Amino acid sequence: MARFMCMVGVMIVVAATLMVNFAAAQTVHVVGDSLGWTVPPNGAAAYTSWASNKQFMVGDILVFNFATNEHDVVELSKESFDACNYSNPIETNITLATAGNHYYVCTIGSHCTSGQKLAISVSATPGASPPSSSTAPPPPSTNTPPSTPSPTAEVCPPTTTPSPNMNNTPPTIATSPSITKGGDSSSSTVFASVFVSLVSLVISFFL
């Protein structure tokens, strides 16, 4: 019974961690806020200032609001961005799929040289702390604090037969990728269904 309650506690910790990841995932950033995507009155400093107050992470979405046929947006390399050179544009992908520096400009007329350009730095994890080097199997270890892999080893020290617990842990946590990739409108539903299935798996193991 004590071992069962301990495993339930582990499931609660995992569920809480996944909920934190959901809250941090897929933030929608409207570029320029009320200014929108246009030729800024004070030059490129407008978008530089806007980006400096934001934290961009993989999975976030950039929304460029502009009038059709008056502006556009393409993603460029840093060299093309600095020179406002549009000869080698990268296909625009509003969803930030990779970490690193991203550069966006308007290619119409002299809009880019007039300051309609945006440079952002995208992080793979929340905050500035480096990813944890945990040896545990959960895929979202780069986003989760070290407390996720440790509960089975520290929360349940009285367990006399660790092999069943350790063998049961991977299939329990391995379902997290389907949660982190959930849709914007149904992430809570997916999370709830997965959490219920995890608890059912633990209960069936001890019955």
N, C-alpha and C. Protein backbone atom coordinates (compact mmCIF):
# COMPACT_ATOMS: atom_id res chain seq x y z
N MET A 1 0.84 -1.21 0.00
CA MET A 1 0.00 0.00 0.00
C MET A 1 0.87 1.26 0.00
N ALA A 2 1.96 1.20 0.83
CA ALA A 2 2.86 2.36 0.89
C ALA A 2 3.52 2.59 -0.46
N ARG A 3 3.89 1.47 -1.12
CA ARG A 3 4.54 1.61 -2.43
C ARG A 3 3.56 2.18 -3.45
N PHE A 4 2.31 1.75 -3.35
CA PHE A 4 1.29 2.28 -4.27
C PHE A 4 1.11 3.78 -4.09
N MET A 5 1.02 4.23 -2.84
CA MET A 5 0.85 5.65 -2.58
C MET A 5 2.06 6.44 -3.05
N CYS A 6 3.22 5.82 -2.92
CA CYS A 6 4.44 6.49 -3.38
C CYS A 6 4.42 6.68 -4.89
N MET A 7 3.95 5.66 -5.62
CA MET A 7 3.88 5.77 -7.08
C MET A 7 2.84 6.80 -7.50
N VAL A 8 1.74 6.88 -6.75
CA VAL A 8 0.75 7.92 -7.04
C VAL A 8 1.36 9.30 -6.86
N GLY A 9 2.19 9.45 -5.83
CA GLY A 9 2.87 10.73 -5.63
C GLY A 9 3.78 11.07 -6.79
N VAL A 10 4.46 10.06 -7.33
CA VAL A 10 5.33 10.28 -8.49
C VAL A 10 4.50 10.75 -9.68
N MET A 11 3.34 10.13 -9.89
CA MET A 11 2.48 10.53 -11.00
C MET A 11 2.02 11.98 -10.86
N ILE A 12 1.74 12.39 -9.63
CA ILE A 12 1.31 13.77 -9.41
C ILE A 12 2.43 14.74 -9.75
N VAL A 13 3.67 14.38 -9.37
CA VAL A 13 4.82 15.24 -9.69
C VAL A 13 4.99 15.37 -11.19
N VAL A 14 4.89 14.22 -11.91
CA VAL A 14 5.03 14.25 -13.37
C VAL A 14 3.92 15.09 -14.00
N ALA A 15 2.69 14.91 -13.51
CA ALA A 15 1.57 15.67 -14.06
C ALA A 15 1.76 17.17 -13.85
N ALA A 16 2.22 17.55 -12.66
CA ALA A 16 2.44 18.98 -12.39
C ALA A 16 3.51 19.55 -13.30
N THR A 17 4.56 18.76 -13.56
CA THR A 17 5.62 19.22 -14.45
C THR A 17 5.10 19.42 -15.86
N LEU A 18 4.26 18.48 -16.33
CA LEU A 18 3.71 18.61 -17.68
C LEU A 18 2.79 19.81 -17.78
N MET A 19 2.05 20.11 -16.72
CA MET A 19 1.18 21.28 -16.74
C MET A 19 1.99 22.57 -16.85
N VAL A 20 3.16 22.60 -16.17
CA VAL A 20 4.03 23.77 -16.28
C VAL A 20 4.52 23.92 -17.71
N ASN A 21 4.86 22.79 -18.35
CA ASN A 21 5.32 22.84 -19.74
C ASN A 21 4.23 23.35 -20.66
N PHE A 22 2.97 22.92 -20.42
CA PHE A 22 1.86 23.39 -21.25
C PHE A 22 1.69 24.89 -21.12
N ALA A 23 1.80 25.39 -19.88
CA ALA A 23 1.60 26.83 -19.65
C ALA A 23 2.66 27.65 -20.36
N ALA A 24 3.88 27.05 -20.50
CA ALA A 24 4.98 27.81 -21.11
C ALA A 24 5.01 27.64 -22.62
N ALA A 25 4.28 26.66 -23.16
CA ALA A 25 4.38 26.35 -24.59
C ALA A 25 3.47 27.23 -25.43
N GLN A 26 3.94 27.47 -26.65
CA GLN A 26 3.16 28.14 -27.68
C GLN A 26 2.56 29.47 -27.23
N THR A 27 3.43 30.36 -26.81
CA THR A 27 3.00 31.74 -26.55
C THR A 27 2.88 32.46 -27.89
N VAL A 28 1.80 33.20 -28.08
CA VAL A 28 1.59 33.95 -29.32
C VAL A 28 2.08 35.38 -29.12
N HIS A 29 3.03 35.79 -29.96
CA HIS A 29 3.59 37.14 -29.89
C HIS A 29 3.12 37.94 -31.11
N VAL A 30 2.39 39.02 -30.89
CA VAL A 30 1.99 39.91 -31.98
C VAL A 30 3.13 40.91 -32.18
N VAL A 31 3.82 40.78 -33.31
CA VAL A 31 5.01 41.59 -33.56
C VAL A 31 4.66 43.08 -33.54
N GLY A 32 5.36 43.84 -32.71
CA GLY A 32 5.13 45.27 -32.61
C GLY A 32 3.94 45.66 -31.75
N ASP A 33 3.21 44.67 -31.26
CA ASP A 33 1.99 44.93 -30.47
C ASP A 33 1.04 45.84 -31.25
N SER A 34 0.67 46.97 -30.69
CA SER A 34 -0.30 47.86 -31.36
C SER A 34 0.27 48.50 -32.63
N LEU A 35 1.59 48.60 -32.73
CA LEU A 35 2.21 49.17 -33.93
C LEU A 35 2.00 48.27 -35.13
N GLY A 36 2.00 46.96 -34.89
CA GLY A 36 1.87 46.01 -35.98
C GLY A 36 3.17 45.90 -36.76
N TRP A 37 3.08 45.32 -37.97
CA TRP A 37 4.24 45.14 -38.84
C TRP A 37 4.18 46.21 -39.93
N THR A 38 4.95 47.28 -39.73
CA THR A 38 4.92 48.42 -40.64
C THR A 38 6.26 49.13 -40.61
N VAL A 39 6.40 50.19 -41.38
CA VAL A 39 7.62 51.00 -41.32
C VAL A 39 7.56 51.83 -40.04
N PRO A 40 8.41 51.54 -39.06
CA PRO A 40 8.31 52.23 -37.77
C PRO A 40 8.75 53.69 -37.87
N PRO A 41 8.09 54.58 -37.17
CA PRO A 41 8.43 56.00 -37.25
C PRO A 41 9.82 56.34 -36.73
N ASN A 42 10.34 55.52 -35.80
CA ASN A 42 11.68 55.80 -35.25
C ASN A 42 12.72 54.80 -35.71
N GLY A 43 12.49 54.16 -36.86
CA GLY A 43 13.46 53.22 -37.40
C GLY A 43 13.44 51.87 -36.72
N ALA A 44 14.52 51.09 -36.96
CA ALA A 44 14.58 49.71 -36.47
C ALA A 44 14.55 49.62 -34.95
N ALA A 45 14.81 50.72 -34.26
CA ALA A 45 14.82 50.69 -32.79
C ALA A 45 13.48 50.26 -32.22
N ALA A 46 12.40 50.51 -32.96
CA ALA A 46 11.06 50.15 -32.46
C ALA A 46 10.94 48.65 -32.26
N TYR A 47 11.37 47.86 -33.25
CA TYR A 47 11.25 46.41 -33.14
C TYR A 47 12.35 45.82 -32.25
N THR A 48 13.51 46.48 -32.22
CA THR A 48 14.57 46.04 -31.31
C THR A 48 14.10 46.17 -29.87
N SER A 49 13.46 47.28 -29.56
CA SER A 49 12.94 47.50 -28.21
C SER A 49 11.82 46.52 -27.89
N TRP A 50 10.95 46.27 -28.87
CA TRP A 50 9.85 45.33 -28.64
C TRP A 50 10.38 43.94 -28.32
N ALA A 51 11.36 43.47 -29.10
CA ALA A 51 11.90 42.12 -28.91
C ALA A 51 12.66 41.99 -27.59
N SER A 52 13.27 43.08 -27.13
CA SER A 52 14.07 43.01 -25.91
C SER A 52 13.22 42.74 -24.67
N ASN A 53 11.94 42.99 -24.75
CA ASN A 53 11.04 42.77 -23.61
C ASN A 53 10.31 41.43 -23.68
N LYS A 54 10.68 40.60 -24.64
CA LYS A 54 9.99 39.32 -24.83
C LYS A 54 10.97 38.16 -24.64
N GLN A 55 10.40 37.02 -24.27
CA GLN A 55 11.17 35.78 -24.21
C GLN A 55 10.57 34.83 -25.23
N PHE A 56 11.36 34.45 -26.22
CA PHE A 56 10.89 33.58 -27.30
C PHE A 56 11.43 32.18 -27.08
N MET A 57 10.53 31.19 -27.22
CA MET A 57 10.93 29.81 -27.05
C MET A 57 10.42 28.98 -28.23
N VAL A 58 11.05 27.83 -28.43
CA VAL A 58 10.62 26.92 -29.49
C VAL A 58 9.16 26.55 -29.25
N GLY A 59 8.35 26.63 -30.29
CA GLY A 59 6.92 26.37 -30.17
C GLY A 59 6.09 27.63 -30.13
N ASP A 60 6.72 28.78 -29.83
CA ASP A 60 5.99 30.05 -29.83
C ASP A 60 5.58 30.43 -31.25
N ILE A 61 4.62 31.34 -31.36
CA ILE A 61 4.10 31.75 -32.66
C ILE A 61 4.24 33.26 -32.80
N LEU A 62 4.78 33.70 -33.95
CA LEU A 62 4.87 35.12 -34.26
C LEU A 62 3.71 35.50 -35.18
N VAL A 63 3.02 36.56 -34.85
CA VAL A 63 1.92 37.06 -35.69
C VAL A 63 2.33 38.41 -36.24
N PHE A 64 2.42 38.50 -37.59
CA PHE A 64 2.76 39.76 -38.26
C PHE A 64 1.47 40.36 -38.81
N ASN A 65 1.02 41.45 -38.21
CA ASN A 65 -0.20 42.12 -38.67
C ASN A 65 0.16 43.25 -39.64
N PHE A 66 -0.31 43.14 -40.89
CA PHE A 66 -0.03 44.19 -41.87
C PHE A 66 -1.10 44.17 -42.96
N ALA A 67 -1.21 45.28 -43.67
CA ALA A 67 -2.18 45.39 -44.76
C ALA A 67 -1.67 44.63 -45.98
N THR A 68 -2.55 43.85 -46.60
CA THR A 68 -2.18 43.09 -47.79
C THR A 68 -1.71 44.01 -48.90
N ASN A 69 -0.64 43.59 -49.58
CA ASN A 69 -0.02 44.31 -50.70
C ASN A 69 0.73 45.57 -50.28
N GLU A 70 0.69 45.90 -49.00
CA GLU A 70 1.47 47.04 -48.52
C GLU A 70 2.77 46.60 -47.86
N HIS A 71 2.73 45.40 -47.26
CA HIS A 71 3.92 44.86 -46.61
C HIS A 71 3.94 43.36 -46.83
N ASP A 72 5.08 42.75 -46.54
CA ASP A 72 5.19 41.30 -46.50
C ASP A 72 6.22 40.96 -45.43
N VAL A 73 6.53 39.69 -45.30
CA VAL A 73 7.53 39.29 -44.31
C VAL A 73 8.23 38.03 -44.80
N VAL A 74 9.55 38.04 -44.73
CA VAL A 74 10.35 36.86 -45.06
C VAL A 74 11.41 36.70 -43.97
N GLU A 75 11.88 35.46 -43.82
CA GLU A 75 12.96 35.21 -42.88
C GLU A 75 14.26 35.11 -43.66
N LEU A 76 15.30 35.79 -43.17
CA LEU A 76 16.59 35.84 -43.85
C LEU A 76 17.69 35.32 -42.94
N SER A 77 18.85 35.07 -43.55
CA SER A 77 20.05 34.81 -42.75
C SER A 77 20.51 36.12 -42.13
N LYS A 78 21.42 36.06 -41.17
CA LYS A 78 21.88 37.28 -40.51
C LYS A 78 22.57 38.21 -41.50
N GLU A 79 23.36 37.64 -42.43
CA GLU A 79 24.08 38.48 -43.39
C GLU A 79 23.10 39.24 -44.28
N SER A 80 22.08 38.55 -44.78
CA SER A 80 21.09 39.21 -45.63
C SER A 80 20.27 40.20 -44.82
N PHE A 81 20.01 39.87 -43.56
CA PHE A 81 19.26 40.77 -42.68
C PHE A 81 20.01 42.08 -42.47
N ASP A 82 21.31 41.98 -42.18
CA ASP A 82 22.11 43.19 -41.93
C ASP A 82 22.19 44.08 -43.16
N ALA A 83 22.24 43.45 -44.35
CA ALA A 83 22.38 44.22 -45.59
C ALA A 83 21.05 44.49 -46.27
N CYS A 84 19.95 44.03 -45.68
CA CYS A 84 18.63 44.13 -46.33
C CYS A 84 18.69 43.56 -47.74
N ASN A 85 19.28 42.37 -47.86
CA ASN A 85 19.43 41.69 -49.15
C ASN A 85 18.38 40.59 -49.22
N TYR A 86 17.46 40.68 -50.20
CA TYR A 86 16.35 39.73 -50.27
C TYR A 86 16.56 38.65 -51.31
N SER A 87 17.77 38.52 -51.84
CA SER A 87 17.99 37.59 -52.95
C SER A 87 17.87 36.13 -52.51
N ASN A 88 18.09 35.85 -51.23
CA ASN A 88 18.01 34.47 -50.75
C ASN A 88 17.06 34.36 -49.56
N PRO A 89 15.80 34.64 -49.77
CA PRO A 89 14.86 34.57 -48.64
C PRO A 89 14.60 33.14 -48.21
N ILE A 90 14.38 32.96 -46.94
CA ILE A 90 13.98 31.67 -46.40
C ILE A 90 12.47 31.67 -46.28
N GLU A 91 11.85 30.54 -46.58
CA GLU A 91 10.39 30.48 -46.49
C GLU A 91 9.94 30.84 -45.08
N THR A 92 9.00 31.76 -45.00
CA THR A 92 8.54 32.23 -43.70
C THR A 92 7.80 31.12 -42.95
N ASN A 93 8.17 30.93 -41.70
CA ASN A 93 7.49 29.98 -40.83
C ASN A 93 7.19 30.69 -39.52
N ILE A 94 5.96 31.07 -39.34
CA ILE A 94 5.60 31.87 -38.18
C ILE A 94 5.84 31.11 -36.88
N THR A 95 5.63 29.78 -36.89
CA THR A 95 5.90 29.01 -35.69
C THR A 95 7.40 28.85 -35.51
N LEU A 96 7.90 29.21 -34.35
CA LEU A 96 9.33 29.13 -34.07
C LEU A 96 9.69 27.68 -33.77
N ALA A 97 10.20 26.99 -34.78
CA ALA A 97 10.44 25.56 -34.66
C ALA A 97 11.83 25.22 -34.15
N THR A 98 12.76 26.17 -34.19
CA THR A 98 14.13 25.90 -33.78
C THR A 98 14.64 27.00 -32.87
N ALA A 99 15.58 26.63 -32.01
CA ALA A 99 16.22 27.63 -31.15
C ALA A 99 17.30 28.37 -31.93
N GLY A 100 17.69 29.54 -31.44
CA GLY A 100 18.72 30.32 -32.11
C GLY A 100 18.21 31.68 -32.52
N ASN A 101 18.98 32.37 -33.35
CA ASN A 101 18.61 33.70 -33.81
C ASN A 101 17.77 33.62 -35.08
N HIS A 102 16.72 34.43 -35.14
CA HIS A 102 15.84 34.48 -36.31
C HIS A 102 15.71 35.94 -36.75
N TYR A 103 15.67 36.13 -38.09
CA TYR A 103 15.66 37.49 -38.64
C TYR A 103 14.52 37.62 -39.66
N TYR A 104 13.74 38.68 -39.52
CA TYR A 104 12.58 38.91 -40.38
C TYR A 104 12.61 40.33 -40.92
N VAL A 105 12.23 40.49 -42.20
CA VAL A 105 12.21 41.83 -42.81
C VAL A 105 11.01 41.94 -43.74
N CYS A 106 10.71 43.18 -44.14
CA CYS A 106 9.75 43.44 -45.20
C CYS A 106 10.55 43.72 -46.47
N THR A 107 10.18 43.09 -47.58
CA THR A 107 10.95 43.21 -48.82
C THR A 107 10.39 44.26 -49.76
N ILE A 108 9.34 44.93 -49.39
CA ILE A 108 8.71 45.91 -50.29
C ILE A 108 9.45 47.25 -50.22
N GLY A 109 9.82 47.76 -51.38
CA GLY A 109 10.47 49.06 -51.47
C GLY A 109 11.68 49.17 -50.56
N SER A 110 11.78 50.29 -49.87
CA SER A 110 12.90 50.53 -48.95
C SER A 110 12.46 50.34 -47.50
N HIS A 111 11.43 49.52 -47.30
CA HIS A 111 10.90 49.34 -45.95
C HIS A 111 11.94 48.77 -45.00
N CYS A 112 12.74 47.83 -45.49
CA CYS A 112 13.74 47.21 -44.61
C CYS A 112 14.77 48.24 -44.16
N THR A 113 15.31 49.00 -45.11
CA THR A 113 16.31 50.00 -44.75
C THR A 113 15.72 51.11 -43.90
N SER A 114 14.40 51.25 -43.94
CA SER A 114 13.74 52.25 -43.11
C SER A 114 13.43 51.73 -41.71
N GLY A 115 13.78 50.47 -41.46
CA GLY A 115 13.64 49.93 -40.11
C GLY A 115 12.62 48.84 -39.94
N GLN A 116 11.95 48.38 -41.02
CA GLN A 116 10.95 47.33 -40.87
C GLN A 116 11.65 45.98 -40.90
N LYS A 117 12.30 45.66 -39.79
CA LYS A 117 13.07 44.43 -39.66
C LYS A 117 13.07 44.01 -38.20
N LEU A 118 13.11 42.71 -37.98
CA LEU A 118 13.01 42.17 -36.62
C LEU A 118 14.05 41.08 -36.43
N ALA A 119 14.81 41.15 -35.36
CA ALA A 119 15.76 40.11 -34.98
C ALA A 119 15.39 39.61 -33.59
N ILE A 120 15.25 38.30 -33.45
CA ILE A 120 14.90 37.73 -32.14
C ILE A 120 15.81 36.55 -31.83
N SER A 121 15.93 36.23 -30.56
CA SER A 121 16.69 35.07 -30.11
C SER A 121 15.73 34.10 -29.45
N VAL A 122 15.69 32.88 -29.97
CA VAL A 122 14.74 31.87 -29.50
C VAL A 122 15.45 30.86 -28.61
N SER A 123 14.91 30.63 -27.42
CA SER A 123 15.48 29.67 -26.48
C SER A 123 14.76 28.34 -26.58
N ALA A 124 15.49 27.28 -26.27
CA ALA A 124 14.88 25.95 -26.28
C ALA A 124 14.17 25.65 -24.97
N THR A 125 14.54 26.37 -23.92
CA THR A 125 13.96 26.14 -22.60
C THR A 125 13.57 27.46 -21.96
N PRO A 126 12.64 27.44 -21.02
CA PRO A 126 12.28 28.68 -20.31
C PRO A 126 13.46 29.21 -19.51
N GLY A 127 13.60 30.49 -19.45
CA GLY A 127 14.67 31.11 -18.67
C GLY A 127 16.01 30.98 -19.36
N ALA A 128 17.05 31.43 -18.67
CA ALA A 128 18.39 31.43 -19.24
C ALA A 128 19.24 30.29 -18.74
N SER A 129 18.74 29.44 -17.85
CA SER A 129 19.53 28.37 -17.30
C SER A 129 19.74 27.29 -18.34
N PRO A 130 20.94 26.66 -18.37
CA PRO A 130 21.23 25.62 -19.37
C PRO A 130 20.39 24.39 -19.13
N PRO A 131 20.15 23.58 -20.17
CA PRO A 131 19.36 22.34 -20.01
C PRO A 131 20.02 21.39 -19.03
N SER A 132 19.22 20.64 -18.26
CA SER A 132 19.76 19.69 -17.32
C SER A 132 20.32 18.49 -18.06
N SER A 133 21.40 17.89 -17.49
CA SER A 133 22.05 16.76 -18.14
C SER A 133 21.58 15.47 -17.49
N SER A 134 20.31 15.31 -17.28
CA SER A 134 19.75 14.15 -16.61
C SER A 134 19.87 12.92 -17.48
N THR A 135 20.10 11.75 -16.84
CA THR A 135 20.19 10.51 -17.59
C THR A 135 18.87 9.77 -17.65
N ALA A 136 17.84 10.33 -17.07
CA ALA A 136 16.52 9.70 -17.08
C ALA A 136 15.92 9.74 -18.47
N PRO A 137 15.00 8.81 -18.82
CA PRO A 137 14.48 8.71 -20.18
C PRO A 137 13.50 9.74 -20.64
N PRO A 138 12.85 10.56 -19.80
CA PRO A 138 11.79 11.43 -20.33
C PRO A 138 12.31 12.37 -21.40
N PRO A 139 11.67 12.42 -22.60
CA PRO A 139 12.10 13.33 -23.68
C PRO A 139 12.10 14.78 -23.27
N PRO A 140 11.13 15.29 -22.48
CA PRO A 140 11.13 16.73 -22.18
C PRO A 140 12.06 17.12 -21.05
N SER A 141 13.20 16.35 -20.88
CA SER A 141 14.10 16.66 -19.78
C SER A 141 14.74 18.02 -19.90
N THR A 142 14.83 18.57 -21.16
CA THR A 142 15.43 19.90 -21.32
C THR A 142 14.52 20.98 -20.79
N ASN A 143 13.23 20.67 -20.63
CA ASN A 143 12.28 21.68 -20.16
C ASN A 143 11.90 21.51 -18.71
N THR A 144 12.24 20.31 -18.13
CA THR A 144 11.76 20.02 -16.79
C THR A 144 12.89 20.17 -15.78
N PRO A 145 12.57 20.59 -14.56
CA PRO A 145 13.59 20.69 -13.50
C PRO A 145 14.05 19.31 -13.09
N PRO A 146 15.21 19.21 -12.43
CA PRO A 146 15.78 17.91 -12.06
C PRO A 146 14.87 17.09 -11.18
N SER A 147 13.78 17.67 -10.64
CA SER A 147 12.92 16.91 -9.73
C SER A 147 12.15 15.82 -10.43
N THR A 148 12.01 15.88 -11.78
CA THR A 148 11.22 14.88 -12.50
C THR A 148 11.84 13.49 -12.47
N PRO A 149 13.18 13.33 -12.82
CA PRO A 149 13.73 11.99 -12.84
C PRO A 149 14.03 11.43 -11.46
N SER A 150 14.09 12.28 -10.41
CA SER A 150 14.56 11.81 -9.13
C SER A 150 13.53 11.13 -8.24
N PRO A 151 12.20 11.40 -8.39
CA PRO A 151 11.25 10.85 -7.40
C PRO A 151 11.31 9.36 -7.22
N THR A 152 11.49 8.57 -8.33
CA THR A 152 11.47 7.12 -8.17
C THR A 152 12.66 6.63 -7.39
N ALA A 153 13.74 7.44 -7.33
CA ALA A 153 14.93 7.01 -6.61
C ALA A 153 14.96 7.54 -5.19
N GLU A 154 14.33 8.70 -4.93
CA GLU A 154 14.45 9.32 -3.63
C GLU A 154 13.13 9.34 -2.85
N VAL A 155 12.00 9.48 -3.55
CA VAL A 155 10.72 9.57 -2.86
C VAL A 155 10.34 8.23 -2.26
N CYS A 156 10.83 7.11 -2.84
CA CYS A 156 10.42 5.77 -2.42
C CYS A 156 11.60 4.93 -1.96
N PRO A 157 12.44 5.39 -1.04
CA PRO A 157 13.59 4.60 -0.62
C PRO A 157 13.24 3.27 0.01
N PRO A 158 12.04 3.08 0.66
CA PRO A 158 11.76 1.79 1.30
C PRO A 158 11.50 0.65 0.33
N THR A 159 11.31 0.92 -0.94
CA THR A 159 10.96 -0.12 -1.91
C THR A 159 12.03 -1.20 -1.92
N THR A 160 11.66 -2.46 -1.71
CA THR A 160 12.63 -3.54 -1.65
C THR A 160 12.88 -4.17 -2.99
N THR A 161 11.97 -4.00 -3.93
CA THR A 161 12.14 -4.58 -5.27
C THR A 161 12.05 -3.47 -6.30
N PRO A 162 13.15 -2.74 -6.54
CA PRO A 162 13.10 -1.58 -7.43
C PRO A 162 12.90 -1.92 -8.89
N SER A 163 13.20 -3.17 -9.28
CA SER A 163 13.11 -3.50 -10.70
C SER A 163 11.74 -3.28 -11.29
N PRO A 164 10.63 -3.74 -10.65
CA PRO A 164 9.30 -3.47 -11.24
C PRO A 164 9.02 -2.00 -11.37
N ASN A 165 9.42 -1.18 -10.35
CA ASN A 165 9.16 0.26 -10.44
C ASN A 165 9.92 0.88 -11.58
N MET A 166 11.21 0.48 -11.70
CA MET A 166 12.01 1.08 -12.76
C MET A 166 11.53 0.64 -14.13
N ASN A 167 11.07 -0.63 -14.22
CA ASN A 167 10.57 -1.10 -15.52
C ASN A 167 9.24 -0.46 -15.86
N ASN A 168 8.50 -0.08 -14.82
CA ASN A 168 7.18 0.51 -15.07
C ASN A 168 7.26 2.00 -15.38
N THR A 169 8.39 2.64 -14.99
CA THR A 169 8.48 4.10 -15.16
C THR A 169 8.56 4.54 -16.61
N PRO A 170 9.44 3.90 -17.49
CA PRO A 170 9.55 4.41 -18.87
C PRO A 170 8.26 4.50 -19.62
N PRO A 171 7.40 3.40 -19.64
CA PRO A 171 6.15 3.56 -20.40
C PRO A 171 5.23 4.61 -19.83
N THR A 172 5.38 4.91 -18.52
CA THR A 172 4.54 5.94 -17.91
C THR A 172 4.92 7.32 -18.42
N ILE A 173 6.23 7.64 -18.45
CA ILE A 173 6.69 8.98 -18.82
C ILE A 173 6.81 9.12 -20.33
N ALA A 174 6.94 8.02 -21.04
CA ALA A 174 7.15 8.10 -22.49
C ALA A 174 5.96 8.67 -23.22
N THR A 175 4.83 8.80 -22.55
CA THR A 175 3.66 9.38 -23.22
C THR A 175 3.72 10.88 -23.29
N SER A 176 4.72 11.52 -22.63
CA SER A 176 4.77 12.98 -22.59
C SER A 176 4.96 13.64 -23.94
N PRO A 177 5.68 13.02 -24.95
CA PRO A 177 5.77 13.71 -26.25
C PRO A 177 4.43 14.01 -26.86
N SER A 178 3.46 13.08 -26.72
CA SER A 178 2.16 13.35 -27.31
C SER A 178 1.46 14.50 -26.63
N ILE A 179 1.86 14.78 -25.38
CA ILE A 179 1.26 15.90 -24.67
C ILE A 179 1.89 17.20 -25.13
N THR A 180 3.23 17.23 -25.23
CA THR A 180 3.89 18.48 -25.59
C THR A 180 3.60 18.88 -27.02
N LYS A 181 3.15 17.93 -27.84
CA LYS A 181 2.82 18.27 -29.22
C LYS A 181 1.33 18.45 -29.43
N GLY A 182 0.59 18.55 -28.36
CA GLY A 182 -0.86 18.68 -28.47
C GLY A 182 -1.28 19.96 -29.12
N GLY A 183 -2.53 19.98 -29.60
CA GLY A 183 -3.04 21.17 -30.27
C GLY A 183 -3.27 22.29 -29.30
N ASP A 184 -3.37 23.50 -29.83
CA ASP A 184 -3.55 24.67 -28.99
C ASP A 184 -4.87 24.62 -28.24
N SER A 185 -5.94 24.17 -28.92
CA SER A 185 -7.26 24.25 -28.33
C SER A 185 -7.61 23.05 -27.48
N SER A 186 -6.85 21.93 -27.59
CA SER A 186 -7.25 20.71 -26.88
C SER A 186 -6.15 20.19 -25.97
N SER A 187 -5.15 21.02 -25.63
CA SER A 187 -4.04 20.53 -24.82
C SER A 187 -4.51 20.06 -23.46
N SER A 188 -5.46 20.77 -22.85
CA SER A 188 -5.94 20.38 -21.52
C SER A 188 -6.64 19.04 -21.58
N THR A 189 -7.43 18.79 -22.64
CA THR A 189 -8.14 17.52 -22.78
C THR A 189 -7.17 16.37 -22.96
N VAL A 190 -6.16 16.58 -23.79
CA VAL A 190 -5.16 15.54 -24.03
C VAL A 190 -4.42 15.23 -22.74
N PHE A 191 -4.04 16.28 -22.02
CA PHE A 191 -3.32 16.09 -20.78
C PHE A 191 -4.15 15.28 -19.79
N ALA A 192 -5.43 15.64 -19.66
CA ALA A 192 -6.29 14.94 -18.70
C ALA A 192 -6.41 13.47 -19.05
N SER A 193 -6.60 13.15 -20.35
CA SER A 193 -6.77 11.75 -20.75
C SER A 193 -5.50 10.95 -20.53
N VAL A 194 -4.35 11.56 -20.81
CA VAL A 194 -3.08 10.86 -20.61
C VAL A 194 -2.83 10.63 -19.12
N PHE A 195 -3.15 11.66 -18.31
CA PHE A 195 -2.93 11.52 -16.87
C PHE A 195 -3.78 10.41 -16.30
N VAL A 196 -5.04 10.32 -16.74
CA VAL A 196 -5.93 9.25 -16.27
C VAL A 196 -5.38 7.89 -16.66
N SER A 197 -4.87 7.78 -17.90
CA SER A 197 -4.32 6.49 -18.35
C SER A 197 -3.08 6.12 -17.55
N LEU A 198 -2.27 7.12 -17.16
CA LEU A 198 -1.08 6.84 -16.37
C LEU A 198 -1.46 6.30 -15.00
N VAL A 199 -2.43 6.95 -14.36
CA VAL A 199 -2.86 6.49 -13.04
C VAL A 199 -3.45 5.09 -13.13
N SER A 200 -4.22 4.82 -14.20
CA SER A 200 -4.81 3.49 -14.38
C SER A 200 -3.73 2.44 -14.52
N LEU A 201 -2.65 2.79 -15.25
CA LEU A 201 -1.55 1.85 -15.44
C LEU A 201 -0.89 1.51 -14.11
N VAL A 202 -0.70 2.53 -13.27
CA VAL A 202 -0.07 2.29 -11.97
C VAL A 202 -0.95 1.43 -11.08
N ILE A 203 -2.26 1.74 -11.07
CA ILE A 203 -3.18 0.97 -10.23
C ILE A 203 -3.24 -0.49 -10.67
N SER A 204 -3.28 -0.72 -11.99
CA SER A 204 -3.35 -2.10 -12.49
C SER A 204 -2.09 -2.88 -12.15
N PHE A 205 -0.98 -2.18 -12.00
CA PHE A 205 0.28 -2.86 -11.70
C PHE A 205 0.28 -3.43 -10.28
N PHE A 206 -0.36 -2.70 -9.36
CA PHE A 206 -0.34 -3.13 -7.97
C PHE A 206 -1.55 -3.98 -7.58
N LEU A 207 -2.56 -4.07 -8.45
CA LEU A 207 -3.74 -4.90 -8.13
C LEU A 207 -3.50 -6.35 -8.53
